[in-house]
C-alpha cells in the first residue's frame, strides 16, 4: 500500500517489476503489475529465473500471454537482468 501511495504522489519515469518467472502468473500478480504500471510513465517486467525447466513448463509463454492481457506487450518483457538495468538507466534508447 505504501509503494502505491508513493507512486501516486511521485510518478516514476521508468519502472521495472521483477517476477519469479518459474512461478505461474495468476490474477493477483498480474493485477498488481497492472496497478503499478498505471502509476508509472513506462513499465517493463523482468522475468527473472527463466531456465530450461521453466521454458519447458511453458512459463515464459504463460507470462507473455498474461502480460499481454493487461496491456504489456512483447516490448515490455525483459528476460535478462542486464537488459533490465540498461532500460532503467537509458529507457528505450537502447534495447
PDB file of N, CA and C in Angstrom:
ATOM      1  N   UNK A   1       0.824  -1.194   0.000  1.00  0.00           N
ATOM      2  CA  UNK A   1       0.000   0.000   0.000  1.00  0.00           C
ATOM      3  C   UNK A   1       0.865   1.254   0.000  1.00  0.00           C
ATOM      4  N   UNK A   2       1.951   1.247   0.756  1.00  0.00           N
ATOM      5  CA  UNK A   2       2.830   2.410   0.839  1.00  0.00           C
ATOM      6  C   UNK A   2       3.482   2.744  -0.489  1.00  0.00           C
ATOM      7  N   UNK A   3       3.905   1.723  -1.208  1.00  0.00           N
ATOM      8  CA  UNK A   3       4.528   1.942  -2.514  1.00  0.00           C
ATOM      9  C   UNK A   3       3.524   2.557  -3.472  1.00  0.00           C
ATOM     10  N   UNK A   4       2.320   2.036  -3.471  1.00  0.00           N
ATOM     11  CA  UNK A   4       1.283   2.577  -4.362  1.00  0.00           C
ATOM     12  C   UNK A   4       1.011   4.050  -4.055  1.00  0.00           C
ATOM     13  N   UNK A   5       0.970   4.400  -2.787  1.00  0.00           N
ATOM     14  CA  UNK A   5       0.731   5.795  -2.404  1.00  0.00           C
ATOM     15  C   UNK A   5       1.883   6.681  -2.873  1.00  0.00           C
ATOM     16  N   UNK A   6       3.115   6.201  -2.714  1.00  0.00           N
ATOM     17  CA  UNK A   6       4.273   6.970  -3.185  1.00  0.00           C
ATOM     18  C   UNK A   6       4.245   7.139  -4.694  1.00  0.00           C
ATOM     19  N   UNK A   7       3.897   6.061  -5.398  1.00  0.00           N
ATOM     20  CA  UNK A   7       3.815   6.138  -6.859  1.00  0.00           C
ATOM     21  C   UNK A   7       2.736   7.123  -7.290  1.00  0.00           C
ATOM     22  N   UNK A   8       1.627   7.152  -6.571  1.00  0.00           N
ATOM     23  CA  UNK A   8       0.550   8.080  -6.916  1.00  0.00           C
ATOM     24  C   UNK A   8       1.003   9.525  -6.715  1.00  0.00           C
ATOM     25  N   UNK A   9       1.819   9.757  -5.689  1.00  0.00           N
ATOM     26  CA  UNK A   9       2.303  11.105  -5.397  1.00  0.00           C
ATOM     27  C   UNK A   9       3.475  11.509  -6.286  1.00  0.00           C
ATOM     28  N   UNK A  10       4.332  10.563  -6.618  1.00  0.00           N
ATOM     29  CA  UNK A  10       5.541  10.831  -7.406  1.00  0.00           C
ATOM     30  C   UNK A  10       5.662   9.761  -8.482  1.00  0.00           C
ATOM     31  N   UNK A  11       5.113  10.043  -9.639  1.00  0.00           N
ATOM     32  CA  UNK A  11       5.073   9.064 -10.726  1.00  0.00           C
ATOM     33  C   UNK A  11       6.479   8.714 -11.198  1.00  0.00           C
ATOM     34  N   UNK A  12       6.857   7.424 -11.158  1.00  0.00           N
ATOM     35  CA  UNK A  12       8.162   7.033 -11.684  1.00  0.00           C
ATOM     36  C   UNK A  12       8.195   7.199 -13.205  1.00  0.00           C
ATOM     37  N   UNK A  13       9.341   7.627 -13.711  1.00  0.00           N
ATOM     38  CA  UNK A  13       9.511   7.730 -15.158  1.00  0.00           C
ATOM     39  C   UNK A  13       9.595   6.330 -15.746  1.00  0.00           C
ATOM     40  N   UNK A  14      10.405   5.480 -15.117  1.00  0.00           N
ATOM     41  CA  UNK A  14      10.557   4.094 -15.569  1.00  0.00           C
ATOM     42  C   UNK A  14      10.440   3.163 -14.362  1.00  0.00           C
ATOM     43  N   UNK A  15       9.742   2.061 -14.567  1.00  0.00           N
ATOM     44  CA  UNK A  15       9.544   1.068 -13.511  1.00  0.00           C
ATOM     45  C   UNK A  15       9.812  -0.319 -14.072  1.00  0.00           C
ATOM     46  N   UNK A  16      10.687  -1.067 -13.402  1.00  0.00           N
ATOM     47  CA  UNK A  16      10.890  -2.478 -13.740  1.00  0.00           C
ATOM     48  C   UNK A  16      10.316  -3.300 -12.598  1.00  0.00           C
ATOM     49  N   UNK A  17       9.396  -4.178 -12.929  1.00  0.00           N
ATOM     50  CA  UNK A  17       8.816  -5.101 -11.962  1.00  0.00           C
ATOM     51  C   UNK A  17       9.474  -6.453 -12.197  1.00  0.00           C
ATOM     52  N   UNK A  18      10.164  -6.968 -11.192  1.00  0.00           N
ATOM     53  CA  UNK A  18      10.813  -8.276 -11.308  1.00  0.00           C
ATOM     54  C   UNK A  18       9.879  -9.342 -10.756  1.00  0.00           C
ATOM     55  N   UNK A  19       9.708 -10.407 -11.526  1.00  0.00           N
ATOM     56  CA  UNK A  19       8.878 -11.525 -11.081  1.00  0.00           C
ATOM     57  C   UNK A  19       9.676 -12.813 -11.210  1.00  0.00           C
ATOM     58  N   UNK A  20       9.347 -13.780 -10.387  1.00  0.00           N
ATOM     59  CA  UNK A  20       9.954 -15.106 -10.486  1.00  0.00           C
ATOM     60  C   UNK A  20       9.221 -15.852 -11.589  1.00  0.00           C
ATOM     61  N   UNK A  21       9.839 -15.903 -12.740  1.00  0.00           N
ATOM     62  CA  UNK A  21       9.185 -16.469 -13.922  1.00  0.00           C
ATOM     63  C   UNK A  21       8.996 -17.978 -13.837  1.00  0.00           C
ATOM     64  N   UNK A  22       9.572 -18.600 -12.827  1.00  0.00           N
ATOM     65  CA  UNK A  22       9.353 -20.042 -12.656  1.00  0.00           C
ATOM     66  C   UNK A  22       7.968 -20.314 -12.091  1.00  0.00           C
ATOM     67  N   UNK A  23       7.367 -19.282 -11.514  1.00  0.00           N
ATOM     68  CA  UNK A  23       6.019 -19.405 -10.956  1.00  0.00           C
ATOM     69  C   UNK A  23       4.985 -19.132 -12.044  1.00  0.00           C
ATOM     70  N   UNK A  24       3.828 -19.698 -11.884  1.00  0.00           N
ATOM     71  CA  UNK A  24       2.741 -19.463 -12.825  1.00  0.00           C
ATOM     72  C   UNK A  24       2.123 -18.096 -12.550  1.00  0.00           C
ATOM     73  N   UNK A  25       1.938 -17.275 -13.596  1.00  0.00           N
ATOM     74  CA  UNK A  25       1.290 -15.985 -13.362  1.00  0.00           C
ATOM     75  C   UNK A  25      -0.170 -16.202 -12.953  1.00  0.00           C
ATOM     76  N   UNK A  26      -0.606 -15.453 -11.956  1.00  0.00           N
ATOM     77  CA  UNK A  26      -2.002 -15.573 -11.530  1.00  0.00           C
ATOM     78  C   UNK A  26      -2.659 -14.195 -11.578  1.00  0.00           C
ATOM     79  N   UNK A  27      -3.952 -14.172 -11.367  1.00  0.00           N
ATOM     80  CA  UNK A  27      -4.683 -12.899 -11.442  1.00  0.00           C
ATOM     81  C   UNK A  27      -4.159 -11.877 -10.449  1.00  0.00           C
ATOM     82  N   UNK A  28      -3.771 -12.343  -9.265  1.00  0.00           N
ATOM     83  CA  UNK A  28      -3.272 -11.416  -8.252  1.00  0.00           C
ATOM     84  C   UNK A  28      -1.978 -10.745  -8.663  1.00  0.00           C
ATOM     85  N   UNK A  29      -1.023 -11.539  -9.134  1.00  0.00           N
ATOM     86  CA  UNK A  29       0.257 -10.951  -9.539  1.00  0.00           C
ATOM     87  C   UNK A  29       0.088 -10.068 -10.767  1.00  0.00           C
ATOM     88  N   UNK A  30      -0.702 -10.513 -11.728  1.00  0.00           N
ATOM     89  CA  UNK A  30      -0.935  -9.699 -12.923  1.00  0.00           C
ATOM     90  C   UNK A  30      -1.699  -8.421 -12.569  1.00  0.00           C
ATOM     91  N   UNK A  31      -2.637  -8.517 -11.639  1.00  0.00           N
ATOM     92  CA  UNK A  31      -3.374  -7.331 -11.201  1.00  0.00           C
ATOM     93  C   UNK A  31      -2.477  -6.313 -10.524  1.00  0.00           C
ATOM     94  N   UNK A  32      -1.565  -6.794  -9.686  1.00  0.00           N
ATOM     95  CA  UNK A  32      -0.628  -5.895  -9.021  1.00  0.00           C
ATOM     96  C   UNK A  32       0.287  -5.227 -10.039  1.00  0.00           C
ATOM     97  N   UNK A  33       0.792  -5.999 -10.992  1.00  0.00           N
ATOM     98  CA  UNK A  33       1.651  -5.430 -12.034  1.00  0.00           C
ATOM     99  C   UNK A  33       0.887  -4.354 -12.809  1.00  0.00           C
ATOM    100  N   UNK A  34      -0.357  -4.638 -13.168  1.00  0.00           N
ATOM    101  CA  UNK A  34      -1.172  -3.661 -13.903  1.00  0.00           C
ATOM    102  C   UNK A  34      -1.378  -2.391 -13.080  1.00  0.00           C
ATOM    103  N   UNK A  35      -1.644  -2.560 -11.796  1.00  0.00           N
ATOM    104  CA  UNK A  35      -1.864  -1.401 -10.931  1.00  0.00           C
ATOM    105  C   UNK A  35      -0.601  -0.558 -10.810  1.00  0.00           C
ATOM    106  N   UNK A  36       0.544  -1.214 -10.618  1.00  0.00           N
ATOM    107  CA  UNK A  36       1.807  -0.478 -10.536  1.00  0.00           C
ATOM    108  C   UNK A  36       2.109   0.222 -11.855  1.00  0.00           C
ATOM    109  N   UNK A  37       1.864  -0.469 -12.961  1.00  0.00           N
ATOM    110  CA  UNK A  37       2.121   0.112 -14.283  1.00  0.00           C
ATOM    111  C   UNK A  37       1.261   1.345 -14.523  1.00  0.00           C
ATOM    112  N   UNK A  38       0.067   1.361 -13.966  1.00  0.00           N
ATOM    113  CA  UNK A  38      -0.813   2.525 -14.114  1.00  0.00           C
ATOM    114  C   UNK A  38      -0.225   3.782 -13.483  1.00  0.00           C
ATOM    115  N   UNK A  39       0.696   3.604 -12.543  1.00  0.00           N
ATOM    116  CA  UNK A  39       1.291   4.741 -11.842  1.00  0.00           C
ATOM    117  C   UNK A  39       2.672   5.108 -12.369  1.00  0.00           C
ATOM    118  N   UNK A  40       3.127   4.489 -13.435  1.00  0.00           N
ATOM    119  CA  UNK A  40       4.447   4.784 -14.000  1.00  0.00           C
ATOM    120  C   UNK A  40       4.292   5.269 -15.434  1.00  0.00           C
ATOM    121  N   UNK A  41       5.242   6.094 -15.859  1.00  0.00           N
ATOM    122  CA  UNK A  41       5.200   6.560 -17.242  1.00  0.00           C
ATOM    123  C   UNK A  41       5.517   5.429 -18.216  1.00  0.00           C
ATOM    124  N   UNK A  42       6.437   4.553 -17.834  1.00  0.00           N
ATOM    125  CA  UNK A  42       6.804   3.406 -18.673  1.00  0.00           C
ATOM    126  C   UNK A  42       7.145   2.239 -17.760  1.00  0.00           C
ATOM    127  N   UNK A  43       6.724   1.050 -18.145  1.00  0.00           N
ATOM    128  CA  UNK A  43       6.920  -0.139 -17.311  1.00  0.00           C
ATOM    129  C   UNK A  43       7.470  -1.277 -18.144  1.00  0.00           C
ATOM    130  N   UNK A  44       8.385  -2.015 -17.542  1.00  0.00           N
ATOM    131  CA  UNK A  44       8.883  -3.258 -18.109  1.00  0.00           C
ATOM    132  C   UNK A  44       8.775  -4.318 -17.018  1.00  0.00           C
ATOM    133  N   UNK A  45       8.639  -5.567 -17.430  1.00  0.00           N
ATOM    134  CA  UNK A  45       8.582  -6.680 -16.483  1.00  0.00           C
ATOM    135  C   UNK A  45       9.758  -7.588 -16.778  1.00  0.00           C
ATOM    136  N   UNK A  46      10.595  -7.783 -15.758  1.00  0.00           N
ATOM    137  CA  UNK A  46      11.758  -8.661 -15.882  1.00  0.00           C
ATOM    138  C   UNK A  46      11.339 -10.040 -15.392  1.00  0.00           C
ATOM    139  N   UNK A  47      11.364 -10.997 -16.293  1.00  0.00           N
ATOM    140  CA  UNK A  47      11.035 -12.380 -15.957  1.00  0.00           C
ATOM    141  C   UNK A  47      12.303 -13.057 -15.443  1.00  0.00           C
ATOM    142  N   UNK A  48      12.577 -12.881 -14.173  1.00  0.00           N
ATOM    143  CA  UNK A  48      13.782 -13.428 -13.556  1.00  0.00           C
ATOM    144  C   UNK A  48      13.624 -14.930 -13.349  1.00  0.00           C
ATOM    145  N   UNK A  49      14.713 -15.641 -13.485  1.00  0.00           N
ATOM    146  CA  UNK A  49      14.702 -17.069 -13.190  1.00  0.00           C
ATOM    147  C   UNK A  49      14.294 -17.959 -14.339  1.00  0.00           C
ATOM    148  N   UNK A  50      14.207 -17.399 -15.542  1.00  0.00           N
ATOM    149  CA  UNK A  50      13.873 -18.248 -16.691  1.00  0.00           C
ATOM    150  C   UNK A  50      15.028 -19.211 -16.923  1.00  0.00           C
ATOM    151  N   UNK A  51      14.716 -20.470 -16.924  1.00  0.00           N
ATOM    152  CA  UNK A  51      15.702 -21.506 -17.219  1.00  0.00           C
ATOM    153  C   UNK A  51      15.037 -22.540 -18.121  1.00  0.00           C
ATOM    154  N   UNK A  52      15.779 -23.561 -18.476  1.00  0.00           N
ATOM    155  CA  UNK A  52      15.244 -24.576 -19.394  1.00  0.00           C
ATOM    156  C   UNK A  52      13.985 -25.228 -18.825  1.00  0.00           C
ATOM    157  N   UNK A  53      13.979 -25.497 -17.518  1.00  0.00           N
ATOM    158  CA  UNK A  53      12.812 -26.149 -16.909  1.00  0.00           C
ATOM    159  C   UNK A  53      11.581 -25.241 -16.975  1.00  0.00           C
ATOM    160  N   UNK A  54      11.787 -23.947 -16.709  1.00  0.00           N
ATOM    161  CA  UNK A  54      10.664 -23.003 -16.758  1.00  0.00           C
ATOM    162  C   UNK A  54      10.136 -22.867 -18.181  1.00  0.00           C
ATOM    163  N   UNK A  55      11.060 -22.816 -19.144  1.00  0.00           N
ATOM    164  CA  UNK A  55      10.623 -22.724 -20.541  1.00  0.00           C
ATOM    165  C   UNK A  55       9.886 -23.980 -20.959  1.00  0.00           C
ATOM    166  N   UNK A  56      10.407 -25.125 -20.533  1.00  0.00           N
ATOM    167  CA  UNK A  56       9.770 -26.393 -20.884  1.00  0.00           C
ATOM    168  C   UNK A  56       8.367 -26.479 -20.276  1.00  0.00           C
ATOM    169  N   UNK A  57       8.200 -25.922 -19.104  1.00  0.00           N
ATOM    170  CA  UNK A  57       6.889 -25.935 -18.449  1.00  0.00           C
ATOM    171  C   UNK A  57       5.935 -24.900 -19.059  1.00  0.00           C
ATOM    172  N   UNK A  58       6.433 -24.116 -20.011  1.00  0.00           N
ATOM    173  CA  UNK A  58       5.594 -23.126 -20.676  1.00  0.00           C
ATOM    174  C   UNK A  58       5.430 -21.827 -19.910  1.00  0.00           C
ATOM    175  N   UNK A  59       6.252 -21.610 -18.886  1.00  0.00           N
ATOM    176  CA  UNK A  59       6.107 -20.415 -18.053  1.00  0.00           C
ATOM    177  C   UNK A  59       6.352 -19.129 -18.846  1.00  0.00           C
ATOM    178  N   UNK A  60       7.372 -19.124 -19.691  1.00  0.00           N
ATOM    179  CA  UNK A  60       7.669 -17.922 -20.465  1.00  0.00           C
ATOM    180  C   UNK A  60       6.458 -17.537 -21.313  1.00  0.00           C
ATOM    181  N   UNK A  61       5.885 -18.505 -21.987  1.00  0.00           N
ATOM    182  CA  UNK A  61       4.694 -18.257 -22.812  1.00  0.00           C
ATOM    183  C   UNK A  61       3.531 -17.771 -21.945  1.00  0.00           C
ATOM    184  N   UNK A  62       3.335 -18.414 -20.783  1.00  0.00           N
ATOM    185  CA  UNK A  62       2.235 -18.020 -19.893  1.00  0.00           C
ATOM    186  C   UNK A  62       2.395 -16.580 -19.415  1.00  0.00           C
ATOM    187  N   UNK A  63       3.617 -16.215 -19.054  1.00  0.00           N
ATOM    188  CA  UNK A  63       3.855 -14.850 -18.609  1.00  0.00           C
ATOM    189  C   UNK A  63       3.628 -13.861 -19.743  1.00  0.00           C
ATOM    190  N   UNK A  64       4.144 -14.162 -20.914  1.00  0.00           N
ATOM    191  CA  UNK A  64       3.962 -13.254 -22.061  1.00  0.00           C
ATOM    192  C   UNK A  64       2.478 -13.063 -22.366  1.00  0.00           C
ATOM    193  N   UNK A  65       1.725 -14.157 -22.355  1.00  0.00           N
ATOM    194  CA  UNK A  65       0.284 -14.071 -22.624  1.00  0.00           C
ATOM    195  C   UNK A  65      -0.440 -13.286 -21.531  1.00  0.00           C
ATOM    196  N   UNK A  66      -0.100 -13.570 -20.281  1.00  0.00           N
ATOM    197  CA  UNK A  66      -0.735 -12.859 -19.172  1.00  0.00           C
ATOM    198  C   UNK A  66      -0.437 -11.369 -19.195  1.00  0.00           C
ATOM    199  N   UNK A  67       0.814 -11.030 -19.469  1.00  0.00           N
ATOM    200  CA  UNK A  67       1.193  -9.621 -19.525  1.00  0.00           C
ATOM    201  C   UNK A  67       0.540  -8.918 -20.710  1.00  0.00           C
ATOM    202  N   UNK A  68       0.447  -9.606 -21.832  1.00  0.00           N
ATOM    203  CA  UNK A  68      -0.243  -9.025 -22.992  1.00  0.00           C
ATOM    204  C   UNK A  68      -1.703  -8.746 -22.646  1.00  0.00           C
ATOM    205  N   UNK A  69      -2.288  -9.610 -21.841  1.00  0.00           N
ATOM    206  CA  UNK A  69      -3.678  -9.442 -21.437  1.00  0.00           C
ATOM    207  C   UNK A  69      -3.936  -8.212 -20.578  1.00  0.00           C
ATOM    208  N   UNK A  70      -2.881  -7.686 -19.941  1.00  0.00           N
ATOM    209  CA  UNK A  70      -3.037  -6.462 -19.144  1.00  0.00           C
ATOM    210  C   UNK A  70      -2.412  -5.260 -19.855  1.00  0.00           C
ATOM    211  N   UNK A  71      -2.129  -5.430 -21.138  1.00  0.00           N
ATOM    212  CA  UNK A  71      -1.637  -4.309 -21.932  1.00  0.00           C
ATOM    213  C   UNK A  71      -0.138  -4.143 -21.982  1.00  0.00           C
ATOM    214  N   UNK A  72       0.603  -5.119 -21.468  1.00  0.00           N
ATOM    215  CA  UNK A  72       2.061  -5.060 -21.534  1.00  0.00           C
ATOM    216  C   UNK A  72       2.525  -6.072 -22.573  1.00  0.00           C
ATOM    217  N   UNK A  73       2.753  -5.587 -23.772  1.00  0.00           N
ATOM    218  CA  UNK A  73       3.113  -6.449 -24.887  1.00  0.00           C
ATOM    219  C   UNK A  73       4.563  -6.886 -24.867  1.00  0.00           C
ATOM    220  N   UNK A  74       4.979  -7.464 -25.959  1.00  0.00           N
ATOM    221  CA  UNK A  74       6.314  -8.051 -26.101  1.00  0.00           C
ATOM    222  C   UNK A  74       7.433  -7.075 -25.727  1.00  0.00           C
ATOM    223  N   UNK A  75       7.302  -5.819 -26.112  1.00  0.00           N
ATOM    224  CA  UNK A  75       8.348  -4.830 -25.830  1.00  0.00           C
ATOM    225  C   UNK A  75       8.523  -4.586 -24.332  1.00  0.00           C
ATOM    226  N   UNK A  76       7.520  -4.896 -23.541  1.00  0.00           N
ATOM    227  CA  UNK A  76       7.583  -4.654 -22.098  1.00  0.00           C
ATOM    228  C   UNK A  76       8.192  -5.820 -21.330  1.00  0.00           C
ATOM    229  N   UNK A  77       8.499  -6.920 -22.018  1.00  0.00           N
ATOM    230  CA  UNK A  77       9.000  -8.122 -21.353  1.00  0.00           C
ATOM    231  C   UNK A  77      10.516  -8.209 -21.506  1.00  0.00           C
ATOM    232  N   UNK A  78      11.202  -8.333 -20.375  1.00  0.00           N
ATOM    233  CA  UNK A  78      12.656  -8.494 -20.358  1.00  0.00           C
ATOM    234  C   UNK A  78      12.981  -9.826 -19.707  1.00  0.00           C
ATOM    235  N   UNK A  79      13.942 -10.542 -20.275  1.00  0.00           N
ATOM    236  CA  UNK A  79      14.323 -11.837 -19.700  1.00  0.00           C
ATOM    237  C   UNK A  79      15.770 -11.839 -19.216  1.00  0.00           C
ATOM    238  N   UNK A  80      16.404 -10.700 -19.236  1.00  0.00           N
ATOM    239  CA  UNK A  80      17.814 -10.603 -18.892  1.00  0.00           C
ATOM    240  C   UNK A  80      18.010  -9.466 -17.884  1.00  0.00           C
ATOM    241  N   UNK A  81      18.752  -9.738 -16.817  1.00  0.00           N
ATOM    242  CA  UNK A  81      18.972  -8.733 -15.777  1.00  0.00           C
ATOM    243  C   UNK A  81      19.684  -7.506 -16.330  1.00  0.00           C
ATOM    244  N   UNK A  82      20.665  -7.731 -17.178  1.00  0.00           N
ATOM    245  CA  UNK A  82      21.403  -6.593 -17.752  1.00  0.00           C
ATOM    246  C   UNK A  82      20.470  -5.701 -18.571  1.00  0.00           C
ATOM    247  N   UNK A  83      19.606  -6.306 -19.361  1.00  0.00           N
ATOM    248  CA  UNK A  83      18.657  -5.524 -20.164  1.00  0.00           C
ATOM    249  C   UNK A  83      17.747  -4.692 -19.259  1.00  0.00           C
ATOM    250  N   UNK A  84      17.366  -5.250 -18.123  1.00  0.00           N
ATOM    251  CA  UNK A  84      16.517  -4.509 -17.183  1.00  0.00           C
ATOM    252  C   UNK A  84      17.253  -3.282 -16.649  1.00  0.00           C
ATOM    253  N   UNK A  85      18.510  -3.459 -16.256  1.00  0.00           N
ATOM    254  CA  UNK A  85      19.294  -2.332 -15.736  1.00  0.00           C
ATOM    255  C   UNK A  85      19.533  -1.272 -16.801  1.00  0.00           C
ATOM    256  N   UNK A  86      19.880  -1.727 -18.006  1.00  0.00           N
ATOM    257  CA  UNK A  86      20.123  -0.774 -19.097  1.00  0.00           C
ATOM    258  C   UNK A  86      18.857   0.027 -19.386  1.00  0.00           C
ATOM    259  N   UNK A  87      17.715  -0.642 -19.420  1.00  0.00           N
ATOM    260  CA  UNK A  87      16.463   0.068 -19.685  1.00  0.00           C
ATOM    261  C   UNK A  87      16.166   1.071 -18.573  1.00  0.00           C
ATOM    262  N   UNK A  88      16.397   0.684 -17.325  1.00  0.00           N
ATOM    263  CA  UNK A  88      16.168   1.620 -16.221  1.00  0.00           C
ATOM    264  C   UNK A  88      17.032   2.867 -16.361  1.00  0.00           C
ATOM    265  N   UNK A  89      18.275   2.672 -16.772  1.00  0.00           N
ATOM    266  CA  UNK A  89      19.203   3.793 -16.893  1.00  0.00           C
ATOM    267  C   UNK A  89      18.929   4.663 -18.111  1.00  0.00           C
ATOM    268  N   UNK A  90      18.590   4.035 -19.243  1.00  0.00           N
ATOM    269  CA  UNK A  90      18.535   4.767 -20.512  1.00  0.00           C
ATOM    270  C   UNK A  90      17.180   4.772 -21.196  1.00  0.00           C
ATOM    271  N   UNK A  91      16.268   3.983 -20.721  1.00  0.00           N
ATOM    272  CA  UNK A  91      14.965   3.916 -21.375  1.00  0.00           C
ATOM    273  C   UNK A  91      15.034   3.174 -22.693  1.00  0.00           C
ATOM    274  N   UNK A  92      14.234   3.598 -23.630  1.00  0.00           N
ATOM    275  CA  UNK A  92      14.133   2.890 -24.900  1.00  0.00           C
ATOM    276  C   UNK A  92      15.215   3.242 -25.899  1.00  0.00           C
ATOM    277  N   UNK A  93      16.154   4.095 -25.528  1.00  0.00           N
ATOM    278  CA  UNK A  93      17.197   4.427 -26.487  1.00  0.00           C
ATOM    279  C   UNK A  93      18.116   3.246 -26.767  1.00  0.00           C
ATOM    280  N   UNK A  94      18.168   2.272 -25.850  1.00  0.00           N
ATOM    281  CA  UNK A  94      18.957   1.053 -26.060  1.00  0.00           C
ATOM    282  C   UNK A  94      18.051  -0.126 -25.817  1.00  0.00           C
ATOM    283  N   UNK A  95      18.106  -1.095 -26.656  1.00  0.00           N
ATOM    284  CA  UNK A  95      17.256  -2.285 -26.493  1.00  0.00           C
ATOM    285  C   UNK A  95      18.116  -3.506 -26.380  1.00  0.00           C
TER     286      UNK A  95
END
